[in-house]
C-alpha atoms as a PDB file:
ATOM      1  CA  MET A   1       0.000   0.000   0.000  1.00  0.00           C
ATOM      2  CA  ASN A   2       1.333   3.406  -0.960  1.00  0.00           C
ATOM      3  CA  ALA A   3      -0.081   6.450   0.793  1.00  0.00           C
ATOM      4  CA  ALA A   4       0.090   9.900  -0.757  1.00  0.00           C
ATOM      5  CA  PRO A   5       2.819  11.773   1.151  1.00  0.00           C
ATOM      6  CA  LEU A   6       1.954  14.938   3.081  1.00  0.00           C
ATOM      7  CA  ASP A   7       4.329  17.720   4.024  1.00  0.00           C
ATOM      8  CA  TYR A   8       3.964  20.553   6.539  1.00  0.00           C
ATOM      9  CA  THR A   9       2.755  22.939   3.843  1.00  0.00           C
ATOM     10  CA  ASP A  10      -0.218  20.664   3.177  1.00  0.00           C
ATOM     11  CA  LEU A  11      -1.095  20.689   6.883  1.00  0.00           C
ATOM     12  CA  ALA A  12      -0.716  24.457   7.097  1.00  0.00           C
ATOM     13  CA  ILE A  13      -3.150  24.928   4.207  1.00  0.00           C
ATOM     14  CA  ALA A  14      -5.683  22.641   5.920  1.00  0.00           C
ATOM     15  CA  ALA A  15      -5.242  24.607   9.165  1.00  0.00           C
ATOM     16  CA  VAL A  16      -6.711  27.645   7.405  1.00  0.00           C
ATOM     17  CA  LEU A  17     -10.096  25.936   7.809  1.00  0.00           C
ATOM     18  CA  VAL A  18      -9.710  26.093  11.589  1.00  0.00           C
ATOM     19  CA  VAL A  19      -8.792  29.768  11.323  1.00  0.00           C
ATOM     20  CA  LEU A  20     -12.034  30.314   9.399  1.00  0.00           C
ATOM     21  CA  ASN A  21     -13.937  28.764  12.311  1.00  0.00           C
ATOM     22  CA  VAL A  22     -12.181  31.139  14.698  1.00  0.00           C
ATOM     23  CA  ILE A  23     -13.176  34.087  12.508  1.00  0.00           C
ATOM     24  CA  MET A  24     -16.776  32.819  12.401  1.00  0.00           C
ATOM     25  CA  SER A  25     -16.829  32.534  16.199  1.00  0.00           C
ATOM     26  CA  ARG A  26     -15.632  36.121  16.523  1.00  0.00           C
ATOM     27  CA  ALA A  27     -18.120  37.364  13.905  1.00  0.00           C
ATOM     28  CA  PHE A  28     -21.097  35.749  15.670  1.00  0.00           C
ATOM     29  CA  SER A  29     -19.806  36.541  19.175  1.00  0.00           C
ATOM     30  CA  LEU A  30     -19.751  32.847  20.155  1.00  0.00           C
ATOM     31  CA  GLY A  31     -16.771  33.231  22.452  1.00  0.00           C
ATOM     32  CA  LEU A  32     -15.208  29.974  21.230  1.00  0.00           C
ATOM     33  CA  GLU A  33     -12.042  31.424  19.727  1.00  0.00           C
ATOM     34  CA  LYS A  34      -9.773  30.452  22.613  1.00  0.00           C
ATOM     35  CA  GLN A  35     -11.280  26.990  22.924  1.00  0.00           C
ATOM     36  CA  MET A  36     -10.869  26.349  19.193  1.00  0.00           C
ATOM     37  CA  ALA A  37      -7.248  27.497  19.211  1.00  0.00           C
ATOM     38  CA  ILE A  38      -6.363  25.443  22.284  1.00  0.00           C
ATOM     39  CA  SER A  39      -8.111  22.356  20.868  1.00  0.00           C
ATOM     40  CA  ALA A  40      -6.261  22.649  17.562  1.00  0.00           C
ATOM     41  CA  VAL A  41      -2.854  23.135  19.196  1.00  0.00           C
ATOM     42  CA  ARG A  42      -3.530  20.335  21.692  1.00  0.00           C
ATOM     43  CA  MET A  43      -4.538  17.997  18.876  1.00  0.00           C
ATOM     44  CA  VAL A  44      -1.375  18.719  16.892  1.00  0.00           C
ATOM     45  CA  VAL A  45       0.905  18.263  19.910  1.00  0.00           C
ATOM     46  CA  GLN A  46      -0.829  15.107  21.110  1.00  0.00           C
ATOM     47  CA  LEU A  47      -0.869  13.417  17.708  1.00  0.00           C
ATOM     48  CA  SER A  48       2.735  14.375  17.007  1.00  0.00           C
ATOM     49  CA  LEU A  49       3.853  12.854  20.305  1.00  0.00           C
ATOM     50  CA  VAL A  50       1.701   9.773  19.736  1.00  0.00           C
ATOM     51  CA  GLY A  51       3.303   9.319  16.319  1.00  0.00           C
ATOM     52  CA  LEU A  52       6.758   9.230  17.900  1.00  0.00           C
ATOM     53  CA  VAL A  53       5.614   6.876  20.666  1.00  0.00           C
ATOM     54  CA  LEU A  54       3.936   4.498  18.213  1.00  0.00           C
ATOM     55  CA  LYS A  55       7.002   4.462  15.982  1.00  0.00           C
ATOM     56  CA  ALA A  56       9.137   3.292  18.920  1.00  0.00           C
ATOM     57  CA  LEU A  57       6.422   0.917  20.128  1.00  0.00           C
ATOM     58  CA  PHE A  58       6.030  -0.744  16.734  1.00  0.00           C
ATOM     59  CA  ALA A  59       9.789  -1.228  16.518  1.00  0.00           C
ATOM     60  CA  ALA A  60      10.033  -2.798  19.983  1.00  0.00           C
ATOM     61  CA  VAL A  61       7.053  -5.224  19.718  1.00  0.00           C
ATOM     62  CA  SER A  62       7.137  -5.719  23.494  1.00  0.00           C
ATOM     63  CA  PRO A  63       4.120  -7.113  25.418  1.00  0.00           C
ATOM     64  CA  GLY A  64       5.078  -4.989  28.428  1.00  0.00           C
ATOM     65  CA  PHE A  65       5.203  -1.743  26.457  1.00  0.00           C
ATOM     66  CA  THR A  66       1.970  -2.634  24.647  1.00  0.00           C
ATOM     67  CA  LEU A  67       0.189  -3.280  27.944  1.00  0.00           C
ATOM     68  CA  LEU A  68       1.552  -0.065  29.458  1.00  0.00           C
ATOM     69  CA  THR A  69       0.315   1.954  26.476  1.00  0.00           C
ATOM     70  CA  VAL A  70      -3.142   0.381  26.697  1.00  0.00           C
ATOM     71  CA  LEU A  71      -3.343   1.062  30.453  1.00  0.00           C
ATOM     72  CA  VAL A  72      -2.409   4.718  29.944  1.00  0.00           C
ATOM     73  CA  MET A  73      -5.103   5.052  27.271  1.00  0.00           C
ATOM     74  CA  MET A  74      -7.723   3.449  29.521  1.00  0.00           C
ATOM     75  CA  GLY A  75      -6.703   5.619  32.464  1.00  0.00           C
ATOM     76  CA  ALA A  76      -7.059   8.772  30.390  1.00  0.00           C
ATOM     77  CA  ALA A  77     -10.454   7.617  29.102  1.00  0.00           C
ATOM     78  CA  GLY A  78     -11.669   7.008  32.664  1.00  0.00           C
ATOM     79  CA  TYR A  79     -10.645  10.526  33.631  1.00  0.00           C
ATOM     80  CA  GLU A  80     -12.474  11.971  30.625  1.00  0.00           C
ATOM     81  CA  VAL A  81     -15.694  10.152  31.534  1.00  0.00           C
ATOM     82  CA  ALA A  82     -15.560  11.432  35.120  1.00  0.00           C
ATOM     83  CA  SER A  83     -14.876  14.998  33.991  1.00  0.00           C
ATOM     84  CA  ARG A  84     -17.855  15.049  31.605  1.00  0.00           C
ATOM     85  CA  GLN A  85     -20.538  14.370  34.236  1.00  0.00           C
ATOM     86  CA  ASP A  86     -22.826  17.159  35.443  1.00  0.00           C
ATOM     87  CA  ARG A  87     -23.603  15.164  38.603  1.00  0.00           C
ATOM     88  CA  ARG A  88     -20.778  12.711  39.228  1.00  0.00           C
ATOM     89  CA  PHE A  89     -20.584  10.112  41.964  1.00  0.00           C
ATOM     90  CA  THR A  90     -18.537  10.961  45.041  1.00  0.00           C
ATOM     91  CA  GLY A  91     -15.315   9.234  46.014  1.00  0.00           C
ATOM     92  CA  TRP A  92     -13.275   6.914  43.843  1.00  0.00           C
ATOM     93  CA  LEU A  93     -16.416   5.676  42.073  1.00  0.00           C
ATOM     94  CA  ALA A  94     -16.583   8.990  40.214  1.00  0.00           C
ATOM     95  CA  TYR A  95     -13.698   7.464  38.270  1.00  0.00           C
ATOM     96  CA  GLY A  96     -14.258   3.736  38.769  1.00  0.00           C
ATOM     97  CA  LEU A  97     -17.850   3.557  37.527  1.00  0.00           C
ATOM     98  CA  GLY A  98     -16.706   4.692  34.107  1.00  0.00           C
ATOM     99  CA  ALA A  99     -13.212   3.244  33.948  1.00  0.00           C
ATOM    100  CA  GLY A 100     -14.097  -0.278  35.091  1.00  0.00           C
ATOM    101  CA  PRO A 101     -16.781  -1.132  32.522  1.00  0.00           C
ATOM    102  CA  MET A 102     -14.809   0.642  29.800  1.00  0.00           C
ATOM    103  CA  ALA A 103     -11.638  -1.331  30.480  1.00  0.00           C
ATOM    104  CA  PHE A 104     -13.528  -4.625  30.722  1.00  0.00           C
ATOM    105  CA  ALA A 105     -15.491  -4.189  27.495  1.00  0.00           C
ATOM    106  CA  THR A 106     -12.579  -2.762  25.504  1.00  0.00           C
ATOM    107  CA  ALA A 107     -10.186  -5.518  26.588  1.00  0.00           C
ATOM    108  CA  LEU A 108     -12.722  -8.275  25.911  1.00  0.00           C
ATOM    109  CA  VAL A 109     -13.692  -7.052  22.441  1.00  0.00           C
ATOM    110  CA  THR A 110     -10.090  -6.296  21.443  1.00  0.00           C
ATOM    111  CA  LEU A 111      -8.870  -9.750  22.531  1.00  0.00           C
ATOM    112  CA  LEU A 112     -11.760 -11.328  20.629  1.00  0.00           C
ATOM    113  CA  ALA A 113     -10.762  -9.473  17.452  1.00  0.00           C
ATOM    114  CA  LEU A 114      -7.066 -10.290  17.839  1.00  0.00           C
ATOM    115  CA  ALA A 115      -7.707 -13.968  18.564  1.00  0.00           C
ATOM    116  CA  THR A 116     -10.403 -14.757  16.009  1.00  0.00           C
ATOM    117  CA  HIS A 117     -10.361 -12.217  13.175  1.00  0.00           C
ATOM    118  CA  ILE A 118      -7.045 -10.423  12.756  1.00  0.00           C
ATOM    119  CA  ARG A 119      -4.678 -13.006  14.313  1.00  0.00           C
ATOM    120  CA  PRO A 120      -1.384 -11.058  14.270  1.00  0.00           C
ATOM    121  CA  ASP A 121       1.886 -12.796  15.097  1.00  0.00           C
ATOM    122  CA  PRO A 122       2.625 -12.216  17.909  1.00  0.00           C
ATOM    123  CA  TRP A 123      -0.935 -11.656  19.132  1.00  0.00           C
ATOM    124  CA  TYR A 124       0.106  -8.583  21.147  1.00  0.00           C
ATOM    125  CA  ASP A 125       1.732  -6.866  18.153  1.00  0.00           C
ATOM    126  CA  PRO A 126       1.186  -3.142  18.954  1.00  0.00           C
ATOM    127  CA  ARG A 127       0.690  -2.333  15.276  1.00  0.00           C
ATOM    128  CA  TYR A 128      -2.676  -4.069  15.569  1.00  0.00           C
ATOM    129  CA  ALA A 129      -3.488  -4.056  19.300  1.00  0.00           C
ATOM    130  CA  VAL A 130      -2.996  -0.369  20.052  1.00  0.00           C
ATOM    131  CA  PRO A 131      -5.053   1.063  17.142  1.00  0.00           C
ATOM    132  CA  LEU A 132      -7.827  -1.430  17.889  1.00  0.00           C
ATOM    133  CA  VAL A 133      -7.907  -0.435  21.548  1.00  0.00           C
ATOM    134  CA  GLY A 134      -7.896   3.232  20.572  1.00  0.00           C
ATOM    135  CA  ILE A 135     -10.852   3.107  18.202  1.00  0.00           C
ATOM    136  CA  ILE A 136     -12.928   0.814  20.448  1.00  0.00           C
ATOM    137  CA  LEU A 137     -12.103   2.740  23.604  1.00  0.00           C
ATOM    138  CA  GLY A 138     -13.103   6.062  22.067  1.00  0.00           C
ATOM    139  CA  ASN A 139     -16.587   4.848  21.197  1.00  0.00           C
ATOM    140  CA  VAL A 140     -17.047   2.961  24.461  1.00  0.00           C
ATOM    141  CA  MET A 141     -16.020   6.098  26.358  1.00  0.00           C
ATOM    142  CA  SER A 142     -18.675   8.150  24.561  1.00  0.00           C
ATOM    143  CA  GLY A 143     -21.389   5.598  25.315  1.00  0.00           C
ATOM    144  CA  VAL A 144     -20.531   5.296  29.014  1.00  0.00           C
ATOM    145  CA  SER A 145     -20.233   9.062  29.373  1.00  0.00           C
ATOM    146  CA  LEU A 146     -23.631   9.659  27.756  1.00  0.00           C
ATOM    147  CA  TYR A 147     -25.275   7.026  29.940  1.00  0.00           C
ATOM    148  CA  LEU A 148     -23.861   8.243  33.242  1.00  0.00           C
ATOM    149  CA  ASN A 149     -24.586  11.885  32.530  1.00  0.00           C
ATOM    150  CA  GLY A 150     -28.136  11.193  31.419  1.00  0.00           C
ATOM    151  CA  PHE A 151     -28.886   8.770  34.255  1.00  0.00           C
ATOM    152  CA  THR A 152     -27.542  10.822  37.155  1.00  0.00           C
ATOM    153  CA  SER A 153     -29.126  14.022  35.844  1.00  0.00           C
ATOM    154  CA  ALA A 154     -32.527  12.345  35.385  1.00  0.00           C
ATOM    155  CA  VAL A 155     -32.468  10.686  38.810  1.00  0.00           C
ATOM    156  CA  SER A 156     -31.559  13.986  40.478  1.00  0.00           C
ATOM    157  CA  ARG A 157     -34.300  15.807  38.603  1.00  0.00           C
ATOM    158  CA  ASP A 158     -37.034  13.209  39.292  1.00  0.00           C
ATOM    159  CA  LYS A 159     -36.085  12.332  42.849  1.00  0.00           C
ATOM    160  CA  ALA A 160     -39.665  12.674  44.139  1.00  0.00           C
ATOM    161  CA  ALA A 161     -41.153  10.269  41.583  1.00  0.00           C
ATOM    162  CA  ILE A 162     -38.517   7.625  42.262  1.00  0.00           C
ATOM    163  CA  GLU A 163     -38.868   7.866  46.025  1.00  0.00           C
ATOM    164  CA  ALA A 164     -42.659   7.595  45.702  1.00  0.00           C
ATOM    165  CA  ARG A 165     -42.284   4.313  43.809  1.00  0.00           C
ATOM    166  CA  LEU A 166     -39.802   2.998  46.348  1.00  0.00           C
ATOM    167  CA  ALA A 167     -42.127   3.985  49.221  1.00  0.00           C
ATOM    168  CA  LEU A 168     -44.877   1.884  47.624  1.00  0.00           C
ATOM    169  CA  GLY A 169     -42.646  -1.188  47.793  1.00  0.00           C
ATOM    170  CA  THR A 170     -41.165  -1.147  44.295  1.00  0.00           C
ATOM    171  CA  ASP A 171     -37.632  -2.540  44.096  1.00  0.00           C
ATOM    172  CA  ARG A 172     -34.838  -0.216  43.014  1.00  0.00           C
ATOM    173  CA  PHE A 173     -34.420  -1.587  39.491  1.00  0.00           C
ATOM    174  CA  THR A 174     -38.133  -1.225  38.748  1.00  0.00           C
ATOM    175  CA  ALA A 175     -38.251   2.272  40.218  1.00  0.00           C
ATOM    176  CA  LEU A 176     -35.197   3.344  38.235  1.00  0.00           C
ATOM    177  CA  GLY A 177     -36.203   1.392  35.120  1.00  0.00           C
ATOM    178  CA  PRO A 178     -37.642   4.240  33.010  1.00  0.00           C
ATOM    179  CA  PHE A 179     -34.563   6.406  33.637  1.00  0.00           C
ATOM    180  CA  MET A 180     -32.177   3.536  32.950  1.00  0.00           C
ATOM    181  CA  ARG A 181     -33.893   2.672  29.671  1.00  0.00           C
ATOM    182  CA  ARG A 182     -34.029   6.289  28.540  1.00  0.00           C
ATOM    183  CA  SER A 183     -30.340   6.826  29.301  1.00  0.00           C
ATOM    184  CA  LEU A 184     -29.405   3.487  27.729  1.00  0.00           C
ATOM    185  CA  ARG A 185     -31.206   4.437  24.532  1.00  0.00           C
ATOM    186  CA  ALA A 186     -29.421   7.794  24.408  1.00  0.00           C
ATOM    187  CA  ALA A 187     -26.050   6.103  24.917  1.00  0.00           C
ATOM    188  CA  LEU A 188     -26.546   3.512  22.162  1.00  0.00           C
ATOM    189  CA  ILE A 189     -28.163   5.698  19.490  1.00  0.00           C
ATOM    190  CA  PRO A 190     -24.862   7.262  18.266  1.00  0.00           C
ATOM    191  CA  ILE A 191     -23.197   3.943  17.411  1.00  0.00           C
ATOM    192  CA  PHE A 192     -26.299   2.614  15.634  1.00  0.00           C
ATOM    193  CA  ASN A 193     -26.635   5.880  13.735  1.00  0.00           C
ATOM    194  CA  GLN A 194     -23.006   5.489  12.742  1.00  0.00           C
ATOM    195  CA  MET A 195     -23.677   1.967  11.472  1.00  0.00           C
ATOM    196  CA  ALA A 196     -26.808   3.032   9.569  1.00  0.00           C
ATOM    197  CA  ALA A 197     -25.016   5.941   7.872  1.00  0.00           C
ATOM    198  CA  ALA A 198     -21.871   3.997   6.915  1.00  0.00           C
ATOM    199  CA  GLY A 199     -21.498   3.621   3.178  1.00  0.00           C
ATOM    200  CA  LEU A 200     -24.682   5.376   2.095  1.00  0.00           C
ATOM    201  CA  ILE A 201     -24.115   8.746   3.775  1.00  0.00           C
ATOM    202  CA  THR A 202     -20.527   8.643   5.034  1.00  0.00           C
ATOM    203  CA  LEU A 203     -17.316   6.775   4.331  1.00  0.00           C
ATOM    204  CA  PRO A 204     -15.932   5.989   7.810  1.00  0.00           C
ATOM    205  CA  GLY A 205     -12.481   7.265   8.699  1.00  0.00           C
ATOM    206  CA  MET A 206     -10.709   3.919   8.908  1.00  0.00           C
ATOM    207  CA  MET A 207     -12.067   2.779   5.552  1.00  0.00           C
ATOM    208  CA  THR A 208     -11.160   6.098   3.932  1.00  0.00           C
ATOM    209  CA  GLY A 209      -7.630   5.916   5.340  1.00  0.00           C
ATOM    210  CA  GLN A 210      -7.105   2.397   4.035  1.00  0.00           C
ATOM    211  CA  ILE A 211      -8.378   3.323   0.578  1.00  0.00           C
ATOM    212  CA  LEU A 212      -6.112   6.387   0.487  1.00  0.00           C
ATOM    213  CA  ALA A 213      -3.238   4.116   1.521  1.00  0.00           C
ATOM    214  CA  GLY A 214      -3.894   1.891  -1.496  1.00  0.00           C
ATOM    215  CA  MET A 215      -5.974  -0.989  -0.128  1.00  0.00           C
ATOM    216  CA  GLU A 216      -8.618  -2.479  -2.387  1.00  0.00           C
ATOM    217  CA  PRO A 217     -12.017  -0.915  -1.555  1.00  0.00           C
ATOM    218  CA  THR A 218     -13.649  -4.316  -1.027  1.00  0.00           C
ATOM    219  CA  GLU A 219     -11.014  -5.272   1.565  1.00  0.00           C
ATOM    220  CA  ALA A 220     -11.295  -1.884   3.265  1.00  0.00           C
ATOM    221  CA  VAL A 221     -15.062  -2.419   3.499  1.00  0.00           C
ATOM    222  CA  LYS A 222     -14.563  -5.768   5.259  1.00  0.00           C
ATOM    223  CA  TYR A 223     -12.316  -4.175   7.858  1.00  0.00           C
ATOM    224  CA  GLN A 224     -14.763  -1.331   8.403  1.00  0.00           C
ATOM    225  CA  ILE A 225     -17.685  -3.726   8.897  1.00  0.00           C
ATOM    226  CA  LEU A 226     -15.619  -5.669  11.434  1.00  0.00           C
ATOM    227  CA  ILE A 227     -14.709  -2.489  13.311  1.00  0.00           C
ATOM    228  CA  LEU A 228     -18.306  -1.269  13.471  1.00  0.00           C
ATOM    229  CA  PHE A 229     -19.452  -4.619  14.848  1.00  0.00           C
ATOM    230  CA  LEU A 230     -16.700  -4.438  17.474  1.00  0.00           C
ATOM    231  CA  LEU A 231     -17.693  -0.882  18.383  1.00  0.00           C
ATOM    232  CA  ALA A 232     -21.347  -1.831  18.779  1.00  0.00           C
ATOM    233  CA  GLY A 233     -20.491  -4.852  20.932  1.00  0.00           C
ATOM    234  CA  GLY A 234     -18.004  -3.006  23.105  1.00  0.00           C
ATOM    235  CA  THR A 235     -20.297  -0.040  23.655  1.00  0.00           C
ATOM    236  CA  GLY A 236     -23.238  -2.272  24.538  1.00  0.00           C
ATOM    237  CA  LEU A 237     -21.246  -4.337  27.040  1.00  0.00           C
ATOM    238  CA  ALA A 238     -19.763  -1.296  28.754  1.00  0.00           C
ATOM    239  CA  VAL A 239     -23.016   0.640  28.987  1.00  0.00           C
ATOM    240  CA  VAL A 240     -25.007  -2.311  30.361  1.00  0.00           C
ATOM    241  CA  ALA A 241     -22.327  -2.943  33.005  1.00  0.00           C
ATOM    242  CA  THR A 242     -22.411   0.758  33.899  1.00  0.00           C
ATOM    243  CA  LEU A 243     -26.206   0.614  34.052  1.00  0.00           C
ATOM    244  CA  TYR A 244     -26.243  -2.007  36.811  1.00  0.00           C
ATOM    245  CA  LEU A 245     -23.302  -0.606  38.747  1.00  0.00           C
ATOM    246  CA  SER A 246     -24.690   2.932  38.778  1.00  0.00           C
ATOM    247  CA  ALA A 247     -28.156   1.703  39.839  1.00  0.00           C
ATOM    248  CA  LEU A 248     -26.620  -0.234  42.722  1.00  0.00           C
ATOM    249  CA  ARG A 249     -24.519   2.744  43.758  1.00  0.00           C
ATOM    250  CA  ILE A 250     -27.304   5.333  43.701  1.00  0.00           C
ATOM    251  CA  THR A 251     -29.455   3.105  45.946  1.00  0.00           C
ATOM    252  CA  ASP A 252     -28.646   0.966  48.979  1.00  0.00           C
ATOM    253  CA  ALA A 253     -29.447  -2.572  50.110  1.00  0.00           C
ATOM    254  CA  ARG A 254     -32.743  -1.358  51.612  1.00  0.00           C
ATOM    255  CA  HIS A 255     -33.807   0.034  48.231  1.00  0.00           C
ATOM    256  CA  ARG A 256     -33.514   3.665  49.262  1.00  0.00           C
ATOM    257  CA  LEU A 257     -32.444   6.415  46.887  1.00  0.00           C
ATOM    258  CA  ARG A 258     -29.015   7.743  47.897  1.00  0.00           C
ATOM    259  CA  LEU A 259     -28.483  11.054  46.160  1.00  0.00           C
ATOM    260  CA  ASP A 260     -25.925  11.860  48.867  1.00  0.00           C
ATOM    261  CA  ARG A 261     -23.587   9.678  46.829  1.00  0.00           C
ATOM    262  CA  LEU A 262     -23.646  12.289  44.071  1.00  0.00           C
ATOM    263  CA  ASP A 263     -21.917  15.641  44.170  1.00  0.00           C
ATOM    264  CA  GLU A 264     -24.190  18.169  45.847  1.00  0.00           C
ATOM    265  CA  ARG A 265     -23.884  20.758  43.101  1.00  0.00           C
ATOM    266  CA  PRO A 266     -23.825  20.232  39.336  1.00  0.00           C
ATOM    267  CA  ARG A 267     -20.533  20.802  37.582  1.00  0.00           C
ATOM    268  CA  LYS A 268     -20.285  24.250  36.047  1.00  0.00           C
ATOM    269  CA  ALA A 269     -20.162  24.357  32.297  1.00  0.00           C
ATOM    270  CA  ALA A 270     -16.804  25.287  30.812  1.00  0.00           C
END
């Protein structure tokens, strides 16, 4: 496969599009100029550093270095989930409720793909393992974040209705059921929308990259279908695990609602 080479001039020309967004923000008084600039610079720095790290990682082909890289990625994803909640859980579970299900689902789905579909030699080859973890983890993180934010916000808002059901003898899962289902639906819709739009409306990024790198379109399609199935499975597993853990945490063994286990005040918007 032969990819079309890019130089820094090509990237600078593309960066003009970001500058246009900054100008638009200023023209419409959106106040997003600083955020756009910081995001663009952060993206360039992060990806440049990741490129250097991956180059060394691919050359080493070490199971220890591969595992360390994956753990760092999962740790950062857990932090991102916790930071995106309007009403996060108190204590270490503010982090653990997102990080645990994410790590479990991502590891399980990635190992399944490496063992049954891709089969690299060795199986922990970072050229395959790390990109797979990255793309699966990103989607799983979004699903878990959407679920937790929607669930905790809804439970806080409808405290009276939930406590009324519990007072009538309803168990916690039944009382929380409507809020769990609503939040679960919101968390899963993006990945299914992505699957429905693939091919007809959009050409997904991985498939586009492979085609630009010279892979036959039919082979690139197979890889993209595999990835989307992995994303759907990983997101579903992680969100369902989060669903049960968060329901158990926000109630106690006597089926009482425990909003004291959430932060008292919503997180201020950035």
